[in-house]
């Protein structure tokens, strides 16, 4: 599925849309700054597949600091049968550059 820009995601959040957002950074990064997604660090993603199973057919947006770890998370989730995974391009770095 096509990835998502920070602007598109911010617009959807601003409209109050309920989204499935997974932050694949480390806990300390999440504590420093987050946009409200569910924290599941990339390394622990395989252990959390059961709790995500009801989202197999739903849109899931993954993000990290720059977009690299979330690209890996997208590939992993897609291989596990999740059909609508989108990576937030540019990650939190791009988000903060645009929205502070």
C-alpha atoms as a PDB file:
ATOM      1  CA  UNK A   1       0.000   0.000   0.000  1.00  0.00           C
ATOM      2  CA  UNK A   2       1.162   3.528  -0.729  1.00  0.00           C
ATOM      3  CA  UNK A   3       3.010   5.313   2.071  1.00  0.00           C
ATOM      4  CA  UNK A   4       1.679   8.431   3.789  1.00  0.00           C
ATOM      5  CA  UNK A   5       3.190  11.908   4.168  1.00  0.00           C
ATOM      6  CA  UNK A   6       3.330  13.722   7.484  1.00  0.00           C
ATOM      7  CA  UNK A   7       0.993  16.377   6.051  1.00  0.00           C
ATOM      8  CA  UNK A   8      -1.628  13.815   5.042  1.00  0.00           C
ATOM      9  CA  UNK A   9      -1.438  12.143   8.448  1.00  0.00           C
ATOM     10  CA  UNK A  10      -1.653  15.457  10.326  1.00  0.00           C
ATOM     11  CA  UNK A  11      -4.697  16.480   8.253  1.00  0.00           C
ATOM     12  CA  UNK A  12      -6.436  13.211   9.088  1.00  0.00           C
ATOM     13  CA  UNK A  13      -5.587  13.511  12.802  1.00  0.00           C
ATOM     14  CA  UNK A  14      -6.766  17.132  12.848  1.00  0.00           C
ATOM     15  CA  UNK A  15     -10.101  15.966  11.408  1.00  0.00           C
ATOM     16  CA  UNK A  16     -10.440  13.610  14.367  1.00  0.00           C
ATOM     17  CA  UNK A  17     -10.133  10.453  12.300  1.00  0.00           C
ATOM     18  CA  UNK A  18      -9.564   7.296  14.373  1.00  0.00           C
ATOM     19  CA  UNK A  19      -6.346   5.777  13.017  1.00  0.00           C
ATOM     20  CA  UNK A  20      -4.238   2.725  13.820  1.00  0.00           C
ATOM     21  CA  UNK A  21      -0.808   4.284  14.358  1.00  0.00           C
ATOM     22  CA  UNK A  22       2.151   2.234  15.541  1.00  0.00           C
ATOM     23  CA  UNK A  23       5.325   3.958  16.706  1.00  0.00           C
ATOM     24  CA  UNK A  24       8.211   1.491  16.228  1.00  0.00           C
ATOM     25  CA  UNK A  25      10.835   3.607  17.998  1.00  0.00           C
ATOM     26  CA  UNK A  26      12.367   2.851  21.384  1.00  0.00           C
ATOM     27  CA  UNK A  27      10.539   3.833  24.620  1.00  0.00           C
ATOM     28  CA  UNK A  28      12.947   6.697  25.386  1.00  0.00           C
ATOM     29  CA  UNK A  29      12.292   8.198  21.923  1.00  0.00           C
ATOM     30  CA  UNK A  30       8.546   7.899  22.468  1.00  0.00           C
ATOM     31  CA  UNK A  31       8.791   9.605  25.868  1.00  0.00           C
ATOM     32  CA  UNK A  32      10.789  12.454  24.320  1.00  0.00           C
ATOM     33  CA  UNK A  33       8.149  13.188  21.639  1.00  0.00           C
ATOM     34  CA  UNK A  34       5.217  11.266  20.189  1.00  0.00           C
ATOM     35  CA  UNK A  35       2.108  11.826  18.090  1.00  0.00           C
ATOM     36  CA  UNK A  36      -0.082   9.473  20.084  1.00  0.00           C
ATOM     37  CA  UNK A  37       0.484   6.161  18.345  1.00  0.00           C
ATOM     38  CA  UNK A  38       0.800   2.807  20.083  1.00  0.00           C
ATOM     39  CA  UNK A  39       4.425   2.153  21.051  1.00  0.00           C
ATOM     40  CA  UNK A  40       5.688  -1.219  19.813  1.00  0.00           C
ATOM     41  CA  UNK A  41       9.437  -0.997  19.207  1.00  0.00           C
ATOM     42  CA  UNK A  42      10.631  -2.661  16.027  1.00  0.00           C
ATOM     43  CA  UNK A  43      12.521  -5.385  17.895  1.00  0.00           C
ATOM     44  CA  UNK A  44       9.426  -6.434  19.833  1.00  0.00           C
ATOM     45  CA  UNK A  45       7.001  -6.318  16.893  1.00  0.00           C
ATOM     46  CA  UNK A  46       6.998 -10.129  16.356  1.00  0.00           C
ATOM     47  CA  UNK A  47       5.889 -10.611  19.984  1.00  0.00           C
ATOM     48  CA  UNK A  48       2.881  -8.306  19.478  1.00  0.00           C
ATOM     49  CA  UNK A  49       1.374  -9.906  16.374  1.00  0.00           C
ATOM     50  CA  UNK A  50      -1.439 -11.555  18.355  1.00  0.00           C
ATOM     51  CA  UNK A  51      -2.708  -8.256  19.720  1.00  0.00           C
ATOM     52  CA  UNK A  52      -2.623  -6.753  16.213  1.00  0.00           C
ATOM     53  CA  UNK A  53      -4.398  -9.656  14.518  1.00  0.00           C
ATOM     54  CA  UNK A  54      -7.763  -7.865  14.423  1.00  0.00           C
ATOM     55  CA  UNK A  55      -6.122  -5.173  12.252  1.00  0.00           C
ATOM     56  CA  UNK A  56      -5.122  -7.531   9.395  1.00  0.00           C
ATOM     57  CA  UNK A  57      -7.604  -5.873   7.015  1.00  0.00           C
ATOM     58  CA  UNK A  58      -7.434  -2.376   8.510  1.00  0.00           C
ATOM     59  CA  UNK A  59      -5.154   0.489   7.572  1.00  0.00           C
ATOM     60  CA  UNK A  60      -2.108   0.605   9.857  1.00  0.00           C
ATOM     61  CA  UNK A  61       0.286   3.549   9.813  1.00  0.00           C
ATOM     62  CA  UNK A  62       3.789   2.848  11.116  1.00  0.00           C
ATOM     63  CA  UNK A  63       6.399   5.474  11.911  1.00  0.00           C
ATOM     64  CA  UNK A  64       9.800   5.935  13.505  1.00  0.00           C
ATOM     65  CA  UNK A  65      12.439   8.664  13.707  1.00  0.00           C
ATOM     66  CA  UNK A  66      13.315   8.943  10.016  1.00  0.00           C
ATOM     67  CA  UNK A  67      11.276   6.311   8.182  1.00  0.00           C
ATOM     68  CA  UNK A  68      13.868   3.520   8.008  1.00  0.00           C
ATOM     69  CA  UNK A  69      12.726   1.342  10.923  1.00  0.00           C
ATOM     70  CA  UNK A  70       9.103   1.852   9.984  1.00  0.00           C
ATOM     71  CA  UNK A  71       9.879   0.741   6.408  1.00  0.00           C
ATOM     72  CA  UNK A  72      11.244  -2.476   7.933  1.00  0.00           C
ATOM     73  CA  UNK A  73       8.140  -2.766  10.130  1.00  0.00           C
ATOM     74  CA  UNK A  74       5.904  -2.260   7.085  1.00  0.00           C
ATOM     75  CA  UNK A  75       7.712  -5.026   5.192  1.00  0.00           C
ATOM     76  CA  UNK A  76       7.484  -7.373   8.194  1.00  0.00           C
ATOM     77  CA  UNK A  77       3.779  -6.746   8.807  1.00  0.00           C
ATOM     78  CA  UNK A  78       3.015  -7.134   5.095  1.00  0.00           C
ATOM     79  CA  UNK A  79       4.808 -10.510   5.117  1.00  0.00           C
ATOM     80  CA  UNK A  80       2.648 -11.496   8.098  1.00  0.00           C
ATOM     81  CA  UNK A  81      -0.532 -10.873   6.101  1.00  0.00           C
ATOM     82  CA  UNK A  82      -1.386  -7.299   7.032  1.00  0.00           C
ATOM     83  CA  UNK A  83      -2.679  -5.857   3.778  1.00  0.00           C
ATOM     84  CA  UNK A  84      -2.926  -2.119   4.380  1.00  0.00           C
ATOM     85  CA  UNK A  85       0.292  -0.997   6.071  1.00  0.00           C
ATOM     86  CA  UNK A  86       1.559   2.510   5.321  1.00  0.00           C
ATOM     87  CA  UNK A  87       4.883   4.041   6.335  1.00  0.00           C
ATOM     88  CA  UNK A  88       4.927   7.692   7.454  1.00  0.00           C
ATOM     89  CA  UNK A  89       7.562   9.130   5.139  1.00  0.00           C
ATOM     90  CA  UNK A  90      10.310  11.122   6.856  1.00  0.00           C
ATOM     91  CA  UNK A  91       9.245   9.971  10.319  1.00  0.00           C
ATOM     92  CA  UNK A  92       9.189  12.129  13.422  1.00  0.00           C
ATOM     93  CA  UNK A  93      12.089  14.191  12.058  1.00  0.00           C
ATOM     94  CA  UNK A  94       9.892  15.347   9.162  1.00  0.00           C
ATOM     95  CA  UNK A  95       6.885  15.807  11.465  1.00  0.00           C
ATOM     96  CA  UNK A  96       8.846  18.075  13.821  1.00  0.00           C
ATOM     97  CA  UNK A  97      10.416  19.988  10.926  1.00  0.00           C
ATOM     98  CA  UNK A  98       6.933  20.785   9.629  1.00  0.00           C
ATOM     99  CA  UNK A  99       4.822  21.106  12.781  1.00  0.00           C
ATOM    100  CA  UNK A 100       7.266  21.698  15.631  1.00  0.00           C
END
